[in-house]
PDB file of N, CA and C in Angstrom:
ATOM      1  N   MET A   1     -26.787   2.626  -5.298  1.00  0.00           N
ATOM      2  CA  MET A   1     -26.171   1.249  -5.098  1.00  0.00           C
ATOM      3  C   MET A   1     -24.869   1.103  -4.471  1.00  0.00           C
ATOM      4  N   ASP A   2     -24.724   0.149  -3.711  1.00  0.00           N
ATOM      5  CA  ASP A   2     -23.338   0.014  -3.240  1.00  0.00           C
ATOM      6  C   ASP A   2     -22.300  -0.208  -4.092  1.00  0.00           C
ATOM      7  N   VAL A   3     -21.207   0.337  -4.141  1.00  0.00           N
ATOM      8  CA  VAL A   3     -20.117   0.109  -5.014  1.00  0.00           C
ATOM      9  C   VAL A   3     -19.731  -1.313  -5.284  1.00  0.00           C
ATOM     10  N   LEU A   4     -19.694  -2.122  -4.279  1.00  0.00           N
ATOM     11  CA  LEU A   4     -19.214  -3.517  -4.433  1.00  0.00           C
ATOM     12  C   LEU A   4     -20.269  -4.390  -5.079  1.00  0.00           C
ATOM     13  N   GLU A   5     -21.393  -4.071  -4.731  1.00  0.00           N
ATOM     14  CA  GLU A   5     -22.559  -4.861  -5.306  1.00  0.00           C
ATOM     15  C   GLU A   5     -22.546  -4.258  -7.103  1.00  0.00           C
ATOM     16  N   LYS A   6     -22.412  -2.930  -7.208  1.00  0.00           N
ATOM     17  CA  LYS A   6     -22.193  -2.638  -8.643  1.00  0.00           C
ATOM     18  C   LYS A   6     -21.242  -3.234  -9.279  1.00  0.00           C
ATOM     19  N   ALA A   7     -20.053  -3.551  -8.672  1.00  0.00           N
ATOM     20  CA  ALA A   7     -18.697  -4.215  -9.350  1.00  0.00           C
ATOM     21  C   ALA A   7     -19.106  -5.635  -9.598  1.00  0.00           C
ATOM     22  N   HIS A   8     -19.958  -6.357  -8.481  1.00  0.00           N
ATOM     23  CA  HIS A   8     -20.223  -7.809  -8.651  1.00  0.00           C
ATOM     24  C   HIS A   8     -21.165  -7.663 -10.000  1.00  0.00           C
ATOM     25  N   GLU A   9     -22.341  -6.973 -10.047  1.00  0.00           N
ATOM     26  CA  GLU A   9     -22.848  -6.930 -11.221  1.00  0.00           C
ATOM     27  C   GLU A   9     -22.400  -6.806 -12.570  1.00  0.00           C
ATOM     28  N   MET A  10     -21.292  -6.016 -12.642  1.00  0.00           N
ATOM     29  CA  MET A  10     -20.410  -5.624 -13.917  1.00  0.00           C
ATOM     30  C   MET A  10     -19.756  -6.821 -14.110  1.00  0.00           C
ATOM     31  N   GLU A  11     -18.957  -7.764 -13.132  1.00  0.00           N
ATOM     32  CA  GLU A  11     -18.468  -9.117 -13.060  1.00  0.00           C
ATOM     33  C   GLU A  11     -19.433 -10.052 -14.016  1.00  0.00           C
ATOM     34  N   ARG A  12     -20.646  -9.904 -13.282  1.00  0.00           N
ATOM     35  CA  ARG A  12     -21.663 -11.004 -14.126  1.00  0.00           C
ATOM     36  C   ARG A  12     -21.987 -10.655 -15.456  1.00  0.00           C
ATOM     37  N   GLU A  13     -21.884  -9.442 -15.637  1.00  0.00           N
ATOM     38  CA  GLU A  13     -22.018  -8.934 -17.192  1.00  0.00           C
ATOM     39  C   GLU A  13     -20.862  -9.401 -17.920  1.00  0.00           C
ATOM     40  N   GLY A  14     -19.800  -9.799 -17.426  1.00  0.00           N
ATOM     41  CA  GLY A  14     -18.543 -10.208 -18.282  1.00  0.00           C
ATOM     42  C   GLY A  14     -17.465  -9.143 -18.270  1.00  0.00           C
ATOM     43  N   ILE A  15     -17.800  -7.836 -17.537  1.00  0.00           N
ATOM     44  CA  ILE A  15     -16.928  -6.822 -17.412  1.00  0.00           C
ATOM     45  C   ILE A  15     -15.687  -7.099 -16.288  1.00  0.00           C
ATOM     46  N   HIS A  16     -14.402  -6.911 -16.759  1.00  0.00           N
ATOM     47  CA  HIS A  16     -13.372  -7.250 -15.789  1.00  0.00           C
ATOM     48  C   HIS A  16     -13.065  -6.000 -14.939  1.00  0.00           C
ATOM     49  N   ILE A  17     -13.254  -6.302 -13.657  1.00  0.00           N
ATOM     50  CA  ILE A  17     -13.150  -5.380 -12.564  1.00  0.00           C
ATOM     51  C   ILE A  17     -11.771  -5.620 -11.753  1.00  0.00           C
ATOM     52  N   ILE A  18     -11.201  -4.538 -11.622  1.00  0.00           N
ATOM     53  CA  ILE A  18      -9.978  -4.772 -10.541  1.00  0.00           C
ATOM     54  C   ILE A  18     -10.611  -4.088  -9.442  1.00  0.00           C
ATOM     55  N   HIS A  19     -10.730  -5.067  -8.271  1.00  0.00           N
ATOM     56  CA  HIS A  19     -10.968  -4.450  -6.715  1.00  0.00           C
ATOM     57  C   HIS A  19     -10.188  -3.677  -6.055  1.00  0.00           C
ATOM     58  N   LEU A  20     -10.585  -2.354  -5.780  1.00  0.00           N
ATOM     59  CA  LEU A  20      -9.637  -1.841  -4.722  1.00  0.00           C
ATOM     60  C   LEU A  20     -10.144  -1.434  -3.662  1.00  0.00           C
ATOM     61  N   GLU A  21     -11.349  -2.147  -3.263  1.00  0.00           N
ATOM     62  CA  GLU A  21     -11.961  -1.813  -2.153  1.00  0.00           C
ATOM     63  C   GLU A  21     -11.158  -2.292  -0.760  1.00  0.00           C
ATOM     64  N   VAL A  22     -11.437  -1.752   0.507  1.00  0.00           N
ATOM     65  CA  VAL A  22     -10.832  -2.064   1.662  1.00  0.00           C
ATOM     66  C   VAL A  22     -10.653  -3.386   1.722  1.00  0.00           C
ATOM     67  N   GLY A  23      -9.395  -3.944   2.256  1.00  0.00           N
ATOM     68  CA  GLY A  23      -9.111  -5.189   2.504  1.00  0.00           C
ATOM     69  C   GLY A  23      -8.760  -5.488   3.767  1.00  0.00           C
ATOM     70  N   GLU A  24      -8.842  -6.643   4.146  1.00  0.00           N
ATOM     71  CA  GLU A  24      -8.409  -7.131   5.503  1.00  0.00           C
ATOM     72  C   GLU A  24      -7.562  -8.322   5.585  1.00  0.00           C
ATOM     73  N   PRO A  25      -6.317  -8.173   5.955  1.00  0.00           N
ATOM     74  CA  PRO A  25      -5.132  -9.135   5.857  1.00  0.00           C
ATOM     75  C   PRO A  25      -5.769 -10.483   6.281  1.00  0.00           C
ATOM     76  N   ASP A  26      -5.386 -11.519   5.299  1.00  0.00           N
ATOM     77  CA  ASP A  26      -5.735 -12.864   5.760  1.00  0.00           C
ATOM     78  C   ASP A  26      -4.514 -13.835   6.724  1.00  0.00           C
ATOM     79  N   PHE A  27      -3.729 -12.918   6.901  1.00  0.00           N
ATOM     80  CA  PHE A  27      -2.587 -13.514   7.957  1.00  0.00           C
ATOM     81  C   PHE A  27      -2.317 -12.489   9.320  1.00  0.00           C
ATOM     82  N   ASP A  28      -1.590 -13.065  10.122  1.00  0.00           N
ATOM     83  CA  ASP A  28      -1.430 -12.205  11.522  1.00  0.00           C
ATOM     84  C   ASP A  28      -0.008 -11.254  10.969  1.00  0.00           C
ATOM     85  N   THR A  29      -0.103 -10.357  11.977  1.00  0.00           N
ATOM     86  CA  THR A  29       0.972  -9.315  11.688  1.00  0.00           C
ATOM     87  C   THR A  29       2.450 -10.118  12.135  1.00  0.00           C
ATOM     88  N   PRO A  30       3.415 -10.171  11.423  1.00  0.00           N
ATOM     89  CA  PRO A  30       4.620 -10.861  11.748  1.00  0.00           C
ATOM     90  C   PRO A  30       5.349 -10.400  13.032  1.00  0.00           C
ATOM     91  N   GLN A  31       5.614 -11.302  13.720  1.00  0.00           N
ATOM     92  CA  GLN A  31       6.374 -10.904  15.046  1.00  0.00           C
ATOM     93  C   GLN A  31       7.514  -9.772  15.020  1.00  0.00           C
ATOM     94  N   CYS A  32       8.176  -9.762  13.964  1.00  0.00           N
ATOM     95  CA  CYS A  32       9.243  -8.778  13.796  1.00  0.00           C
ATOM     96  C   CYS A  32       8.386  -7.414  13.720  1.00  0.00           C
ATOM     97  N   VAL A  33       7.433  -7.353  12.907  1.00  0.00           N
ATOM     98  CA  VAL A  33       6.701  -5.842  12.854  1.00  0.00           C
ATOM     99  C   VAL A  33       6.326  -5.517  14.194  1.00  0.00           C
ATOM    100  N   LYS A  34       5.798  -6.636  14.783  1.00  0.00           N
ATOM    101  CA  LYS A  34       5.160  -6.162  16.102  1.00  0.00           C
ATOM    102  C   LYS A  34       6.162  -5.701  17.234  1.00  0.00           C
ATOM    103  N   ALA A  35       7.304  -6.225  17.037  1.00  0.00           N
ATOM    104  CA  ALA A  35       8.403  -5.859  18.041  1.00  0.00           C
ATOM    105  C   ALA A  35       8.996  -4.591  17.383  1.00  0.00           C
ATOM    106  N   ALA A  36       9.067  -4.410  16.417  1.00  0.00           N
ATOM    107  CA  ALA A  36       9.595  -3.018  15.694  1.00  0.00           C
ATOM    108  C   ALA A  36       8.690  -1.927  15.990  1.00  0.00           C
ATOM    109  N   ALA A  37       7.303  -2.260  16.057  1.00  0.00           N
ATOM    110  CA  ALA A  37       6.271  -1.159  16.401  1.00  0.00           C
ATOM    111  C   ALA A  37       6.594  -0.938  18.011  1.00  0.00           C
ATOM    112  N   CYS A  38       6.398  -1.945  18.862  1.00  0.00           N
ATOM    113  CA  CYS A  38       6.629  -1.608  20.126  1.00  0.00           C
ATOM    114  C   CYS A  38       8.048  -0.816  20.657  1.00  0.00           C
ATOM    115  N   LYS A  39       8.971  -1.148  19.824  1.00  0.00           N
ATOM    116  CA  LYS A  39      10.165  -0.463  20.211  1.00  0.00           C
ATOM    117  C   LYS A  39      10.329   1.009  19.698  1.00  0.00           C
ATOM    118  N   ALA A  40       9.415   1.308  18.638  1.00  0.00           N
ATOM    119  CA  ALA A  40       9.496   2.607  18.115  1.00  0.00           C
ATOM    120  C   ALA A  40       8.569   3.534  19.165  1.00  0.00           C
ATOM    121  N   LEU A  41       7.331   3.041  19.638  1.00  0.00           N
ATOM    122  CA  LEU A  41       6.625   3.621  20.574  1.00  0.00           C
ATOM    123  C   LEU A  41       7.622   3.724  22.051  1.00  0.00           C
ATOM    124  N   GLU A  42       8.363   2.838  22.381  1.00  0.00           N
ATOM    125  CA  GLU A  42       8.908   2.913  23.420  1.00  0.00           C
ATOM    126  C   GLU A  42      10.216   4.133  23.388  1.00  0.00           C
ATOM    127  N   ASP A  43      10.663   4.075  22.111  1.00  0.00           N
ATOM    128  CA  ASP A  43      11.830   5.158  21.853  1.00  0.00           C
ATOM    129  C   ASP A  43      11.046   6.487  21.605  1.00  0.00           C
ATOM    130  N   GLY A  44       9.797   6.612  21.545  1.00  0.00           N
ATOM    131  CA  GLY A  44       9.187   7.872  21.398  1.00  0.00           C
ATOM    132  C   GLY A  44       8.919   8.327  20.149  1.00  0.00           C
ATOM    133  N   HIS A  45       8.929   7.332  18.887  1.00  0.00           N
ATOM    134  CA  HIS A  45       8.892   7.763  17.644  1.00  0.00           C
ATOM    135  C   HIS A  45       7.300   7.666  17.389  1.00  0.00           C
ATOM    136  N   THR A  46       6.609   8.783  17.857  1.00  0.00           N
ATOM    137  CA  THR A  46       5.067   8.680  17.893  1.00  0.00           C
ATOM    138  C   THR A  46       4.608  10.232  17.001  1.00  0.00           C
ATOM    139  N   HIS A  47       5.851  10.897  16.273  1.00  0.00           N
ATOM    140  CA  HIS A  47       5.184  11.924  15.644  1.00  0.00           C
ATOM    141  C   HIS A  47       5.239  11.589  14.020  1.00  0.00           C
ATOM    142  N   TYR A  48       4.472  12.618  13.406  1.00  0.00           N
ATOM    143  CA  TYR A  48       4.324  12.332  11.945  1.00  0.00           C
ATOM    144  C   TYR A  48       5.987  12.484  11.378  1.00  0.00           C
ATOM    145  N   THR A  49       5.905  11.744  10.250  1.00  0.00           N
ATOM    146  CA  THR A  49       7.288  11.769   9.252  1.00  0.00           C
ATOM    147  C   THR A  49       7.225  12.599   8.421  1.00  0.00           C
ATOM    148  N   HIS A  50       8.355  12.919   7.634  1.00  0.00           N
ATOM    149  CA  HIS A  50       8.286  13.786   6.258  1.00  0.00           C
ATOM    150  C   HIS A  50       7.116  13.371   5.454  1.00  0.00           C
ATOM    151  N   SER A  51       6.353  14.059   4.793  1.00  0.00           N
ATOM    152  CA  SER A  51       5.115  13.725   4.012  1.00  0.00           C
ATOM    153  C   SER A  51       5.556  12.863   2.886  1.00  0.00           C
ATOM    154  N   LEU A  52       6.726  12.740   2.425  1.00  0.00           N
ATOM    155  CA  LEU A  52       7.179  11.750   1.268  1.00  0.00           C
ATOM    156  C   LEU A  52       7.732  10.412   1.964  1.00  0.00           C
ATOM    157  N   GLY A  53       7.966  10.309   3.379  1.00  0.00           N
ATOM    158  CA  GLY A  53       8.044   9.226   4.014  1.00  0.00           C
ATOM    159  C   GLY A  53       9.688   9.312   4.642  1.00  0.00           C
ATOM    160  N   LEU A  54      10.173   8.501   5.561  1.00  0.00           N
ATOM    161  CA  LEU A  54      11.462   8.744   5.970  1.00  0.00           C
ATOM    162  C   LEU A  54      12.449   8.602   4.876  1.00  0.00           C
ATOM    163  N   LEU A  55      13.393   9.416   4.954  1.00  0.00           N
ATOM    164  CA  LEU A  55      14.482   9.574   3.916  1.00  0.00           C
ATOM    165  C   LEU A  55      15.195   8.236   3.821  1.00  0.00           C
ATOM    166  N   GLU A  56      15.570   7.646   5.069  1.00  0.00           N
ATOM    167  CA  GLU A  56      16.468   6.259   5.186  1.00  0.00           C
ATOM    168  C   GLU A  56      15.555   5.171   4.342  1.00  0.00           C
ATOM    169  N   LEU A  57      14.324   5.068   4.624  1.00  0.00           N
ATOM    170  CA  LEU A  57      13.419   4.257   4.165  1.00  0.00           C
ATOM    171  C   LEU A  57      13.481   4.430   2.441  1.00  0.00           C
ATOM    172  N   ARG A  58      13.437   5.472   2.140  1.00  0.00           N
ATOM    173  CA  ARG A  58      13.327   5.889   0.670  1.00  0.00           C
ATOM    174  C   ARG A  58      14.550   5.571  -0.052  1.00  0.00           C
ATOM    175  N   THR A  59      15.687   5.793   0.797  1.00  0.00           N
ATOM    176  CA  THR A  59      16.876   5.494   0.283  1.00  0.00           C
ATOM    177  C   THR A  59      17.270   4.024   0.001  1.00  0.00           C
ATOM    178  N   ALA A  60      16.845   3.198   1.015  1.00  0.00           N
ATOM    179  CA  ALA A  60      16.908   1.778   1.194  1.00  0.00           C
ATOM    180  C   ALA A  60      16.096   1.168  -0.195  1.00  0.00           C
ATOM    181  N   ILE A  61      14.827   1.981  -0.397  1.00  0.00           N
ATOM    182  CA  ILE A  61      14.205   1.272  -1.402  1.00  0.00           C
ATOM    183  C   ILE A  61      14.953   1.597  -2.956  1.00  0.00           C
ATOM    184  N   CYS A  62      15.421   2.515  -2.880  1.00  0.00           N
ATOM    185  CA  CYS A  62      16.630   2.972  -4.048  1.00  0.00           C
ATOM    186  C   CYS A  62      17.403   1.857  -4.227  1.00  0.00           C
ATOM    187  N   GLU A  63      18.222   1.706  -2.950  1.00  0.00           N
ATOM    188  CA  GLU A  63      19.441   0.735  -3.046  1.00  0.00           C
ATOM    189  C   GLU A  63      18.791  -0.621  -3.490  1.00  0.00           C
ATOM    190  N   HIS A  64      17.639  -1.188  -3.101  1.00  0.00           N
ATOM    191  CA  HIS A  64      17.010  -2.258  -3.549  1.00  0.00           C
ATOM    192  C   HIS A  64      16.723  -2.573  -4.770  1.00  0.00           C
ATOM    193  N   TYR A  65      16.072  -1.229  -5.544  1.00  0.00           N
ATOM    194  CA  TYR A  65      16.103  -1.381  -6.808  1.00  0.00           C
ATOM    195  C   TYR A  65      17.291  -1.541  -7.739  1.00  0.00           C
ATOM    196  N   PHE A  66      18.549  -0.708  -7.147  1.00  0.00           N
ATOM    197  CA  PHE A  66      19.736  -0.766  -7.919  1.00  0.00           C
ATOM    198  C   PHE A  66      20.215  -2.190  -7.750  1.00  0.00           C
ATOM    199  N   PHE A  67      20.108  -2.847  -6.782  1.00  0.00           N
ATOM    200  CA  PHE A  67      20.890  -4.100  -6.779  1.00  0.00           C
ATOM    201  C   PHE A  67      19.916  -5.234  -7.335  1.00  0.00           C
ATOM    202  N   THR A  68      18.879  -5.063  -7.279  1.00  0.00           N
ATOM    203  CA  THR A  68      17.907  -6.310  -7.749  1.00  0.00           C
ATOM    204  C   THR A  68      17.718  -5.974  -9.124  1.00  0.00           C
ATOM    205  N   TYR A  69      17.383  -4.755  -9.594  1.00  0.00           N
ATOM    206  CA  TYR A  69      17.075  -4.468 -11.109  1.00  0.00           C
ATOM    207  C   TYR A  69      18.153  -3.487 -11.867  1.00  0.00           C
ATOM    208  N   ASN A  70      19.064  -3.290 -11.104  1.00  0.00           N
ATOM    209  CA  ASN A  70      20.198  -2.396 -11.780  1.00  0.00           C
ATOM    210  C   ASN A  70      19.641  -0.990 -12.352  1.00  0.00           C
ATOM    211  N   VAL A  71      18.476  -0.378 -11.681  1.00  0.00           N
ATOM    212  CA  VAL A  71      18.088   0.679 -12.026  1.00  0.00           C
ATOM    213  C   VAL A  71      18.298   1.888 -11.005  1.00  0.00           C
ATOM    214  N   SER A  72      18.779   3.108 -11.329  1.00  0.00           N
ATOM    215  CA  SER A  72      19.031   3.919 -10.519  1.00  0.00           C
ATOM    216  C   SER A  72      17.798   5.061 -10.214  1.00  0.00           C
ATOM    217  N   ILE A  73      17.469   4.892  -8.825  1.00  0.00           N
ATOM    218  CA  ILE A  73      16.099   5.939  -8.652  1.00  0.00           C
ATOM    219  C   ILE A  73      16.762   6.738  -7.348  1.00  0.00           C
ATOM    220  N   ASP A  74      16.103   8.284  -7.803  1.00  0.00           N
ATOM    221  CA  ASP A  74      16.592   9.153  -6.570  1.00  0.00           C
ATOM    222  C   ASP A  74      15.622   9.079  -5.434  1.00  0.00           C
ATOM    223  N   PRO A  75      15.951   8.965  -4.452  1.00  0.00           N
ATOM    224  CA  PRO A  75      14.919   9.007  -2.923  1.00  0.00           C
ATOM    225  C   PRO A  75      13.724   9.936  -3.245  1.00  0.00           C
ATOM    226  N   ASP A  76      13.999  11.124  -3.912  1.00  0.00           N
ATOM    227  CA  ASP A  76      13.059  12.074  -4.128  1.00  0.00           C
ATOM    228  C   ASP A  76      11.984  11.729  -4.921  1.00  0.00           C
ATOM    229  N   GLN A  77      12.141  10.613  -5.854  1.00  0.00           N
ATOM    230  CA  GLN A  77      11.241   9.695  -6.638  1.00  0.00           C
ATOM    231  C   GLN A  77      10.390   8.910  -6.101  1.00  0.00           C
ATOM    232  N   ILE A  78      10.602   8.679  -4.711  1.00  0.00           N
ATOM    233  CA  ILE A  78       9.918   7.548  -3.848  1.00  0.00           C
ATOM    234  C   ILE A  78       9.002   8.431  -3.113  1.00  0.00           C
ATOM    235  N   ILE A  79       7.806   8.089  -2.905  1.00  0.00           N
ATOM    236  CA  ILE A  79       6.848   8.506  -2.009  1.00  0.00           C
ATOM    237  C   ILE A  79       6.292   7.236  -1.064  1.00  0.00           C
ATOM    238  N   ILE A  80       6.269   7.234   0.151  1.00  0.00           N
ATOM    239  CA  ILE A  80       5.788   6.328   0.973  1.00  0.00           C
ATOM    240  C   ILE A  80       4.417   6.862   1.576  1.00  0.00           C
ATOM    241  N   THR A  81       3.547   5.588   1.632  1.00  0.00           N
ATOM    242  CA  THR A  81       2.088   6.170   1.948  1.00  0.00           C
ATOM    243  C   THR A  81       1.762   5.024   2.871  1.00  0.00           C
ATOM    244  N   SER A  82       0.634   5.541   3.813  1.00  0.00           N
ATOM    245  CA  SER A  82       0.115   4.418   4.945  1.00  0.00           C
ATOM    246  C   SER A  82      -0.415   3.260   4.392  1.00  0.00           C
ATOM    247  N   GLY A  83      -0.701   3.132   3.141  1.00  0.00           N
ATOM    248  CA  GLY A  83      -1.285   1.843   2.591  1.00  0.00           C
ATOM    249  C   GLY A  83      -1.715   2.260   1.072  1.00  0.00           C
ATOM    250  N   THR A  84      -2.404   1.269   0.565  1.00  0.00           N
ATOM    251  CA  THR A  84      -2.577   1.277  -0.933  1.00  0.00           C
ATOM    252  C   THR A  84      -3.570   2.276  -1.197  1.00  0.00           C
ATOM    253  N   SER A  85      -4.720   2.499  -0.177  1.00  0.00           N
ATOM    254  CA  SER A  85      -5.700   3.655  -0.628  1.00  0.00           C
ATOM    255  C   SER A  85      -5.137   4.857  -0.811  1.00  0.00           C
ATOM    256  N   PRO A  86      -4.300   5.556   0.175  1.00  0.00           N
ATOM    257  CA  PRO A  86      -3.622   6.601   0.137  1.00  0.00           C
ATOM    258  C   PRO A  86      -2.793   6.741  -1.353  1.00  0.00           C
ATOM    259  N   ALA A  87      -2.186   5.774  -1.421  1.00  0.00           N
ATOM    260  CA  ALA A  87      -1.236   5.609  -2.777  1.00  0.00           C
ATOM    261  C   ALA A  87      -2.356   5.835  -4.131  1.00  0.00           C
ATOM    262  N   MET A  88      -3.248   4.940  -4.018  1.00  0.00           N
ATOM    263  CA  MET A  88      -3.860   5.084  -5.425  1.00  0.00           C
ATOM    264  C   MET A  88      -4.936   6.486  -5.365  1.00  0.00           C
ATOM    265  N   PHE A  89      -5.273   7.031  -4.426  1.00  0.00           N
ATOM    266  CA  PHE A  89      -5.712   8.386  -4.252  1.00  0.00           C
ATOM    267  C   PHE A  89      -4.696   9.295  -4.960  1.00  0.00           C
ATOM    268  N   LEU A  90      -3.373   9.251  -4.595  1.00  0.00           N
ATOM    269  CA  LEU A  90      -2.375  10.258  -4.942  1.00  0.00           C
ATOM    270  C   LEU A  90      -2.098  10.201  -6.701  1.00  0.00           C
ATOM    271  N   LEU A  91      -2.062   8.785  -6.760  1.00  0.00           N
ATOM    272  CA  LEU A  91      -2.110   8.595  -8.263  1.00  0.00           C
ATOM    273  C   LEU A  91      -3.247   8.662  -9.222  1.00  0.00           C
ATOM    274  N   PHE A  92      -4.415   8.450  -8.717  1.00  0.00           N
ATOM    275  CA  PHE A  92      -5.673   9.168  -9.689  1.00  0.00           C
ATOM    276  C   PHE A  92      -5.749  10.392  -9.695  1.00  0.00           C
ATOM    277  N   SER A  93      -5.221  11.029  -8.537  1.00  0.00           N
ATOM    278  CA  SER A  93      -5.459  12.654  -8.441  1.00  0.00           C
ATOM    279  C   SER A  93      -4.498  13.331  -9.641  1.00  0.00           C
ATOM    280  N   VAL A  94      -3.268  12.587  -9.922  1.00  0.00           N
ATOM    281  CA  VAL A  94      -2.285  13.072 -10.937  1.00  0.00           C
ATOM    282  C   VAL A  94      -3.019  12.840 -12.189  1.00  0.00           C
ATOM    283  N   LEU A  95      -3.321  11.355 -12.457  1.00  0.00           N
ATOM    284  CA  LEU A  95      -3.815  10.765 -13.815  1.00  0.00           C
ATOM    285  C   LEU A  95      -5.179  11.140 -14.356  1.00  0.00           C
ATOM    286  N   ILE A  96      -6.119  11.221 -13.345  1.00  0.00           N
ATOM    287  CA  ILE A  96      -7.441  11.337 -13.755  1.00  0.00           C
ATOM    288  C   ILE A  96      -7.714  12.948 -13.995  1.00  0.00           C
ATOM    289  N   GLU A  97      -8.427  13.132 -14.990  1.00  0.00           N
ATOM    290  CA  GLU A  97      -8.896  14.709 -15.159  1.00  0.00           C
ATOM    291  C   GLU A  97     -10.552  14.755 -15.291  1.00  0.00           C
ATOM    292  N   LYS A  98     -10.979  15.722 -15.025  1.00  0.00           N
ATOM    293  CA  LYS A  98     -12.368  16.175 -15.068  1.00  0.00           C
ATOM    294  C   LYS A  98     -12.946  15.580 -16.330  1.00  0.00           C
ATOM    295  N   ASN A  99     -14.172  14.907 -16.450  1.00  0.00           N
ATOM    296  CA  ASN A  99     -14.745  14.346 -17.312  1.00  0.00           C
ATOM    297  C   ASN A  99     -14.153  12.821 -17.788  1.00  0.00           C
ATOM    298  N   ASP A 100     -13.115  12.458 -17.144  1.00  0.00           N
ATOM    299  CA  ASP A 100     -12.513  11.206 -17.636  1.00  0.00           C
ATOM    300  C   ASP A 100     -13.553  10.128 -17.114  1.00  0.00           C
ATOM    301  N   GLN A 101     -13.732   9.002 -17.930  1.00  0.00           N
ATOM    302  CA  GLN A 101     -14.442   7.866 -17.463  1.00  0.00           C
ATOM    303  C   GLN A 101     -13.560   6.878 -16.685  1.00  0.00           C
ATOM    304  N   VAL A 102     -14.193   6.420 -15.566  1.00  0.00           N
ATOM    305  CA  VAL A 102     -13.413   5.583 -14.630  1.00  0.00           C
ATOM    306  C   VAL A 102     -14.222   4.426 -14.542  1.00  0.00           C
TER     307      VAL A 102
END
């Protein structure tokens, strides 16, 4: 049975389901993102980055959390992923053990 079909069946039975299937944004890519992507390509930034993500980005995220929430985070505590699915895979691989019910 298709996973989404099973999820809908469980919802009809009153079971709360958190949907994590592949999504399609319902909005266009912002122009500033398109421009940044084009500039990165033109500047030759076409290779893989560090597996945790760019240090500059992780540092900026830490600064945001400090100024917004007054929370100190080390850049080594931040992981940048290419989307939600890889992040969830990493999270689940750490938290879920053999024979856990999911």
